[in-house]
Amino acid sequence: MIAPKSKFGIIDHYLVYRGIDTYGQEIYIENDYWNGVRQITGTYFAANNPLASVRRLSGNEAERYWACVRADSLLTAKYDLKRFNCESFANFVQYGIAFSTQVNIADGNFITWLVLGAATSVQRALR
């Protein structure tokens, strides 16, 4: 599941649908900034997140099983904005590799900003 974390859809929150528990509640696993990797109920998710989109878990039954094993193995792992955020967690669960396109884009934008800032400073100095 992907829920917008900002009004303009610049930042998204990723979480993994885990299944239905013995009480009939939908269970999700998320990597939350304050709490790290944890389970939440569908009711909690719906109350705290606006619209959500779904990125289906690819693979066959065995691959989906191992994705659930990866998700469960990370319960209580700590959140890290650059190295292990919610998108990194969701990608690790699905692909076995932790990466975040949001962080990569932000890093690229920051480097562009630094280069443009330096170029502007040099131009001013040369005037």
N, C-alpha and C. Protein backbone atom coordinates (compact mmCIF):
# COMPACT_ATOMS: atom_id res chain seq x y z
N MET A 1 0.84 -1.17 0.00
CA MET A 1 0.00 0.00 0.00
C MET A 1 0.89 1.24 0.00
N ILE A 2 0.41 2.25 -0.64
CA ILE A 2 1.13 3.52 -0.68
C ILE A 2 0.13 4.62 -0.30
N ALA A 3 0.46 5.37 0.74
CA ALA A 3 -0.40 6.46 1.19
C ALA A 3 0.37 7.77 1.06
N PRO A 4 -0.26 8.80 0.53
CA PRO A 4 0.44 10.08 0.43
C PRO A 4 0.76 10.62 1.82
N LYS A 5 1.99 11.10 1.98
CA LYS A 5 2.41 11.64 3.26
C LYS A 5 2.43 13.16 3.23
N SER A 6 2.33 13.72 2.02
CA SER A 6 2.29 15.17 1.88
C SER A 6 1.09 15.54 1.00
N LYS A 7 0.67 16.78 1.09
CA LYS A 7 -0.52 17.22 0.36
C LYS A 7 -0.36 17.13 -1.15
N PHE A 8 0.83 17.31 -1.66
CA PHE A 8 1.03 17.35 -3.10
C PHE A 8 1.58 16.05 -3.67
N GLY A 9 1.61 14.99 -2.86
CA GLY A 9 2.07 13.70 -3.35
C GLY A 9 3.56 13.62 -3.59
N ILE A 10 4.31 14.52 -2.97
CA ILE A 10 5.76 14.51 -3.15
C ILE A 10 6.38 13.39 -2.34
N ILE A 11 5.83 13.15 -1.17
CA ILE A 11 6.35 12.11 -0.28
C ILE A 11 5.23 11.10 -0.04
N ASP A 12 5.56 9.82 -0.15
CA ASP A 12 4.59 8.76 0.08
C ASP A 12 5.01 7.91 1.27
N HIS A 13 4.04 7.26 1.89
CA HIS A 13 4.30 6.31 2.97
C HIS A 13 3.97 4.92 2.45
N TYR A 14 4.94 4.02 2.57
CA TYR A 14 4.78 2.65 2.08
C TYR A 14 4.57 1.70 3.25
N LEU A 15 3.66 0.77 3.08
CA LEU A 15 3.47 -0.28 4.05
C LEU A 15 3.07 -1.56 3.34
N VAL A 16 3.18 -2.67 4.05
CA VAL A 16 2.97 -3.99 3.46
C VAL A 16 1.74 -4.63 4.08
N TYR A 17 0.85 -5.12 3.23
CA TYR A 17 -0.32 -5.87 3.70
C TYR A 17 0.15 -7.25 4.10
N ARG A 18 -0.10 -7.64 5.35
CA ARG A 18 0.40 -8.92 5.86
C ARG A 18 -0.65 -10.01 5.82
N GLY A 19 -1.92 -9.64 5.95
CA GLY A 19 -2.98 -10.64 5.93
C GLY A 19 -4.03 -10.32 6.97
N ILE A 20 -4.82 -11.34 7.32
CA ILE A 20 -5.90 -11.18 8.29
C ILE A 20 -5.55 -12.01 9.52
N ASP A 21 -5.68 -11.38 10.70
CA ASP A 21 -5.35 -12.08 11.93
C ASP A 21 -6.50 -12.97 12.40
N THR A 22 -6.33 -13.60 13.54
CA THR A 22 -7.33 -14.53 14.05
C THR A 22 -8.63 -13.84 14.46
N TYR A 23 -8.60 -12.51 14.60
CA TYR A 23 -9.81 -11.75 14.95
C TYR A 23 -10.50 -11.18 13.71
N GLY A 24 -9.99 -11.51 12.54
CA GLY A 24 -10.59 -11.03 11.30
C GLY A 24 -10.17 -9.63 10.90
N GLN A 25 -9.15 -9.09 11.56
CA GLN A 25 -8.66 -7.75 11.23
C GLN A 25 -7.54 -7.82 10.21
N GLU A 26 -7.56 -6.88 9.26
CA GLU A 26 -6.45 -6.77 8.33
C GLU A 26 -5.22 -6.27 9.07
N ILE A 27 -4.08 -6.86 8.76
CA ILE A 27 -2.82 -6.47 9.41
C ILE A 27 -1.86 -5.95 8.35
N TYR A 28 -1.22 -4.86 8.66
CA TYR A 28 -0.20 -4.24 7.82
C TYR A 28 1.08 -4.14 8.62
N ILE A 29 2.19 -4.12 7.92
CA ILE A 29 3.48 -3.86 8.57
C ILE A 29 4.04 -2.61 7.92
N GLU A 30 4.44 -1.66 8.75
CA GLU A 30 5.00 -0.40 8.25
C GLU A 30 6.31 -0.11 8.96
N ASN A 31 7.10 0.75 8.36
CA ASN A 31 8.30 1.27 9.00
C ASN A 31 8.01 2.73 9.30
N ASP A 32 7.67 2.99 10.54
CA ASP A 32 7.23 4.29 10.99
C ASP A 32 8.41 5.08 11.57
N TYR A 33 8.45 6.37 11.28
CA TYR A 33 9.53 7.24 11.75
C TYR A 33 9.74 7.14 13.26
N TRP A 34 8.67 7.16 14.03
CA TRP A 34 8.78 7.18 15.49
C TRP A 34 8.91 5.78 16.10
N ASN A 35 8.32 4.77 15.46
CA ASN A 35 8.23 3.44 16.07
C ASN A 35 9.04 2.35 15.39
N GLY A 36 9.61 2.61 14.24
CA GLY A 36 10.30 1.57 13.50
C GLY A 36 9.32 0.62 12.85
N VAL A 37 9.77 -0.58 12.54
CA VAL A 37 8.92 -1.55 11.85
C VAL A 37 7.96 -2.15 12.88
N ARG A 38 6.67 -2.07 12.56
CA ARG A 38 5.64 -2.55 13.47
C ARG A 38 4.41 -2.99 12.70
N GLN A 39 3.58 -3.77 13.37
CA GLN A 39 2.30 -4.18 12.81
C GLN A 39 1.23 -3.18 13.22
N ILE A 40 0.33 -2.90 12.30
CA ILE A 40 -0.84 -2.07 12.60
C ILE A 40 -2.06 -2.74 12.00
N THR A 41 -3.21 -2.37 12.49
CA THR A 41 -4.46 -2.94 11.95
C THR A 41 -4.95 -2.10 10.78
N GLY A 42 -5.81 -2.68 9.98
CA GLY A 42 -6.41 -1.95 8.88
C GLY A 42 -7.23 -0.77 9.37
N THR A 43 -7.86 -0.92 10.52
CA THR A 43 -8.65 0.17 11.11
C THR A 43 -7.75 1.34 11.46
N TYR A 44 -6.61 1.05 12.09
CA TYR A 44 -5.65 2.10 12.44
C TYR A 44 -5.13 2.77 11.17
N PHE A 45 -4.79 1.97 10.18
CA PHE A 45 -4.28 2.52 8.92
C PHE A 45 -5.31 3.45 8.29
N ALA A 46 -6.55 3.01 8.18
CA ALA A 46 -7.60 3.81 7.55
C ALA A 46 -7.86 5.11 8.31
N ALA A 47 -7.76 5.07 9.63
CA ALA A 47 -8.01 6.26 10.44
C ALA A 47 -6.88 7.28 10.35
N ASN A 48 -5.68 6.83 10.00
CA ASN A 48 -4.51 7.71 10.02
C ASN A 48 -3.91 8.00 8.66
N ASN A 49 -4.50 7.49 7.61
CA ASN A 49 -3.95 7.69 6.27
C ASN A 49 -5.07 8.02 5.29
N PRO A 50 -4.84 8.99 4.42
CA PRO A 50 -5.85 9.29 3.40
C PRO A 50 -5.80 8.24 2.29
N LEU A 51 -6.15 8.62 1.11
CA LEU A 51 -6.18 7.71 -0.03
C LEU A 51 -4.92 6.87 -0.12
N ALA A 52 -5.08 5.66 -0.58
CA ALA A 52 -3.93 4.77 -0.74
C ALA A 52 -3.99 4.09 -2.10
N SER A 53 -2.84 3.82 -2.64
CA SER A 53 -2.78 3.04 -3.86
C SER A 53 -2.10 1.71 -3.53
N VAL A 54 -2.22 0.79 -4.41
CA VAL A 54 -1.67 -0.54 -4.16
C VAL A 54 -0.63 -0.86 -5.22
N ARG A 55 0.53 -1.27 -4.76
CA ARG A 55 1.55 -1.82 -5.65
C ARG A 55 1.57 -3.30 -5.33
N ARG A 56 1.02 -4.09 -6.23
CA ARG A 56 0.88 -5.52 -5.98
C ARG A 56 2.23 -6.20 -5.80
N LEU A 57 2.24 -7.15 -4.88
CA LEU A 57 3.42 -7.96 -4.65
C LEU A 57 3.56 -8.92 -5.83
N SER A 58 4.68 -8.85 -6.49
CA SER A 58 4.87 -9.72 -7.65
C SER A 58 5.38 -11.08 -7.20
N GLY A 59 5.27 -12.03 -8.08
CA GLY A 59 5.83 -13.34 -7.79
C GLY A 59 4.78 -14.41 -7.56
N ASN A 60 5.28 -15.62 -7.45
CA ASN A 60 4.40 -16.77 -7.22
C ASN A 60 4.17 -16.96 -5.72
N GLU A 61 3.49 -18.02 -5.37
CA GLU A 61 3.14 -18.27 -3.96
C GLU A 61 4.37 -18.38 -3.07
N ALA A 62 5.40 -19.07 -3.54
CA ALA A 62 6.63 -19.22 -2.74
C ALA A 62 7.32 -17.87 -2.54
N GLU A 63 7.37 -17.06 -3.59
CA GLU A 63 8.00 -15.74 -3.47
C GLU A 63 7.22 -14.84 -2.52
N ARG A 64 5.90 -14.93 -2.55
CA ARG A 64 5.08 -14.16 -1.61
C ARG A 64 5.29 -14.64 -0.17
N TYR A 65 5.45 -15.95 0.00
CA TYR A 65 5.75 -16.49 1.33
C TYR A 65 7.04 -15.89 1.86
N TRP A 66 8.10 -15.89 1.04
CA TRP A 66 9.39 -15.35 1.49
C TRP A 66 9.33 -13.85 1.72
N ALA A 67 8.49 -13.16 0.99
CA ALA A 67 8.29 -11.73 1.25
C ALA A 67 7.71 -11.52 2.64
N CYS A 68 6.75 -12.37 3.02
CA CYS A 68 6.17 -12.28 4.37
C CYS A 68 7.21 -12.61 5.43
N VAL A 69 8.06 -13.59 5.16
CA VAL A 69 9.13 -13.94 6.10
C VAL A 69 10.07 -12.75 6.27
N ARG A 70 10.43 -12.09 5.17
CA ARG A 70 11.30 -10.90 5.25
C ARG A 70 10.62 -9.80 6.07
N ALA A 71 9.34 -9.57 5.83
CA ALA A 71 8.61 -8.52 6.57
C ALA A 71 8.60 -8.85 8.06
N ASP A 72 8.25 -10.08 8.41
CA ASP A 72 8.20 -10.47 9.82
C ASP A 72 9.57 -10.39 10.49
N SER A 73 10.62 -10.71 9.74
CA SER A 73 11.97 -10.71 10.33
C SER A 73 12.44 -9.31 10.69
N LEU A 74 11.81 -8.30 10.12
CA LEU A 74 12.24 -6.93 10.38
C LEU A 74 11.42 -6.23 11.47
N LEU A 75 10.44 -6.92 12.04
CA LEU A 75 9.66 -6.30 13.12
C LEU A 75 10.60 -5.78 14.20
N THR A 76 10.39 -4.59 14.63
CA THR A 76 11.17 -3.84 15.63
C THR A 76 12.45 -3.20 15.07
N ALA A 77 12.75 -3.39 13.78
CA ALA A 77 13.92 -2.72 13.21
C ALA A 77 13.71 -1.21 13.29
N LYS A 78 14.78 -0.48 13.43
CA LYS A 78 14.72 0.97 13.59
C LYS A 78 14.62 1.68 12.23
N TYR A 79 13.89 2.77 12.21
CA TYR A 79 13.72 3.62 11.04
C TYR A 79 14.98 4.47 10.85
N ASP A 80 15.39 4.64 9.62
CA ASP A 80 16.48 5.55 9.27
C ASP A 80 16.09 6.24 7.97
N LEU A 81 15.98 7.54 7.99
CA LEU A 81 15.47 8.30 6.85
C LEU A 81 16.22 7.99 5.56
N LYS A 82 17.54 7.90 5.60
CA LYS A 82 18.31 7.69 4.37
C LYS A 82 18.57 6.22 4.07
N ARG A 83 18.79 5.40 5.10
CA ARG A 83 19.21 4.02 4.85
C ARG A 83 18.09 2.98 4.95
N PHE A 84 17.05 3.28 5.76
CA PHE A 84 16.00 2.28 5.94
C PHE A 84 14.68 2.96 6.31
N ASN A 85 14.09 3.63 5.33
CA ASN A 85 12.81 4.30 5.54
C ASN A 85 11.67 3.36 5.13
N CYS A 86 10.46 3.89 5.10
CA CYS A 86 9.30 3.03 4.81
C CYS A 86 9.36 2.46 3.39
N GLU A 87 9.86 3.23 2.42
CA GLU A 87 9.97 2.72 1.06
C GLU A 87 11.06 1.65 0.96
N SER A 88 12.19 1.88 1.66
CA SER A 88 13.26 0.87 1.69
C SER A 88 12.74 -0.44 2.25
N PHE A 89 11.96 -0.34 3.32
CA PHE A 89 11.37 -1.53 3.94
C PHE A 89 10.47 -2.28 2.95
N ALA A 90 9.55 -1.55 2.31
CA ALA A 90 8.62 -2.18 1.37
C ALA A 90 9.37 -2.81 0.19
N ASN A 91 10.40 -2.13 -0.31
CA ASN A 91 11.18 -2.69 -1.41
C ASN A 91 11.97 -3.92 -0.97
N PHE A 92 12.50 -3.90 0.26
CA PHE A 92 13.20 -5.08 0.76
C PHE A 92 12.26 -6.27 0.86
N VAL A 93 11.06 -6.02 1.36
CA VAL A 93 10.08 -7.10 1.47
C VAL A 93 9.77 -7.68 0.09
N GLN A 94 9.54 -6.81 -0.89
CA GLN A 94 9.15 -7.30 -2.21
C GLN A 94 10.32 -7.84 -3.03
N TYR A 95 11.45 -7.14 -3.02
CA TYR A 95 12.55 -7.50 -3.93
C TYR A 95 13.77 -8.11 -3.25
N GLY A 96 13.83 -8.02 -1.91
CA GLY A 96 15.01 -8.52 -1.20
C GLY A 96 16.16 -7.53 -1.18
N ILE A 97 15.91 -6.32 -1.66
CA ILE A 97 16.92 -5.25 -1.69
C ILE A 97 16.28 -3.99 -1.14
N ALA A 98 16.92 -3.36 -0.16
CA ALA A 98 16.39 -2.13 0.42
C ALA A 98 16.89 -0.93 -0.38
N PHE A 99 15.96 -0.19 -0.97
CA PHE A 99 16.31 1.04 -1.69
C PHE A 99 15.11 1.98 -1.66
N SER A 100 15.39 3.26 -1.81
CA SER A 100 14.33 4.26 -1.80
C SER A 100 14.51 5.24 -2.94
N THR A 101 13.60 5.21 -3.89
CA THR A 101 13.67 6.17 -5.00
C THR A 101 13.43 7.58 -4.51
N GLN A 102 12.60 7.73 -3.46
CA GLN A 102 12.35 9.07 -2.90
C GLN A 102 13.64 9.68 -2.37
N VAL A 103 14.46 8.89 -1.67
CA VAL A 103 15.73 9.38 -1.14
C VAL A 103 16.68 9.67 -2.29
N ASN A 104 16.72 8.79 -3.29
CA ASN A 104 17.61 9.01 -4.43
C ASN A 104 17.26 10.30 -5.16
N ILE A 105 15.98 10.56 -5.34
CA ILE A 105 15.54 11.79 -6.00
C ILE A 105 15.89 13.00 -5.15
N ALA A 106 15.65 12.90 -3.84
CA ALA A 106 15.98 14.01 -2.93
C ALA A 106 17.48 14.28 -2.94
N ASP A 107 18.29 13.23 -2.92
CA ASP A 107 19.75 13.40 -2.97
C ASP A 107 20.16 14.08 -4.27
N GLY A 108 19.57 13.65 -5.38
CA GLY A 108 19.88 14.25 -6.68
C GLY A 108 19.50 15.71 -6.72
N ASN A 109 18.33 16.04 -6.17
CA ASN A 109 17.89 17.44 -6.13
C ASN A 109 18.81 18.27 -5.25
N PHE A 110 19.28 17.71 -4.14
CA PHE A 110 20.17 18.43 -3.24
C PHE A 110 21.50 18.72 -3.93
N ILE A 111 22.03 17.72 -4.64
CA ILE A 111 23.30 17.92 -5.35
C ILE A 111 23.12 18.97 -6.45
N THR A 112 22.01 18.91 -7.17
CA THR A 112 21.73 19.92 -8.19
C THR A 112 21.67 21.30 -7.57
N TRP A 113 21.00 21.42 -6.45
CA TRP A 113 20.90 22.70 -5.74
C TRP A 113 22.28 23.21 -5.33
N LEU A 114 23.14 22.30 -4.83
CA LEU A 114 24.50 22.71 -4.45
C LEU A 114 25.29 23.19 -5.66
N VAL A 115 25.21 22.47 -6.76
CA VAL A 115 25.95 22.84 -7.97
C VAL A 115 25.46 24.18 -8.50
N LEU A 116 24.15 24.35 -8.56
CA LEU A 116 23.60 25.62 -9.05
C LEU A 116 23.97 26.77 -8.12
N GLY A 117 23.93 26.50 -6.82
CA GLY A 117 24.32 27.52 -5.85
C GLY A 117 25.78 27.91 -6.00
N ALA A 118 26.64 26.92 -6.19
CA ALA A 118 28.07 27.20 -6.38
C ALA A 118 28.31 27.96 -7.67
N ALA A 119 27.62 27.56 -8.74
CA ALA A 119 27.78 28.25 -10.03
C ALA A 119 27.33 29.70 -9.94
N THR A 120 26.23 29.94 -9.23
CA THR A 120 25.74 31.31 -9.05
C THR A 120 26.74 32.13 -8.25
N SER A 121 27.33 31.54 -7.22
CA SER A 121 28.33 32.24 -6.41
C SER A 121 29.57 32.58 -7.24
N VAL A 122 30.01 31.67 -8.10
CA VAL A 122 31.17 31.92 -8.95
C VAL A 122 30.86 33.05 -9.93
N GLN A 123 29.65 33.02 -10.52
CA GLN A 123 29.27 34.08 -11.46
C GLN A 123 29.25 35.43 -10.79
N ARG A 124 28.75 35.50 -9.58
CA ARG A 124 28.73 36.76 -8.83
C ARG A 124 30.13 37.23 -8.54
N ALA A 125 31.01 36.31 -8.17
CA ALA A 125 32.40 36.67 -7.84
C ALA A 125 33.14 37.19 -9.06
N LEU A 126 32.78 36.70 -10.24
CA LEU A 126 33.48 37.11 -11.46
C LEU A 126 32.98 38.45 -12.00
N ARG A 127 31.91 38.96 -11.50
CA ARG A 127 31.36 40.23 -12.00
C ARG A 127 32.11 41.41 -11.46
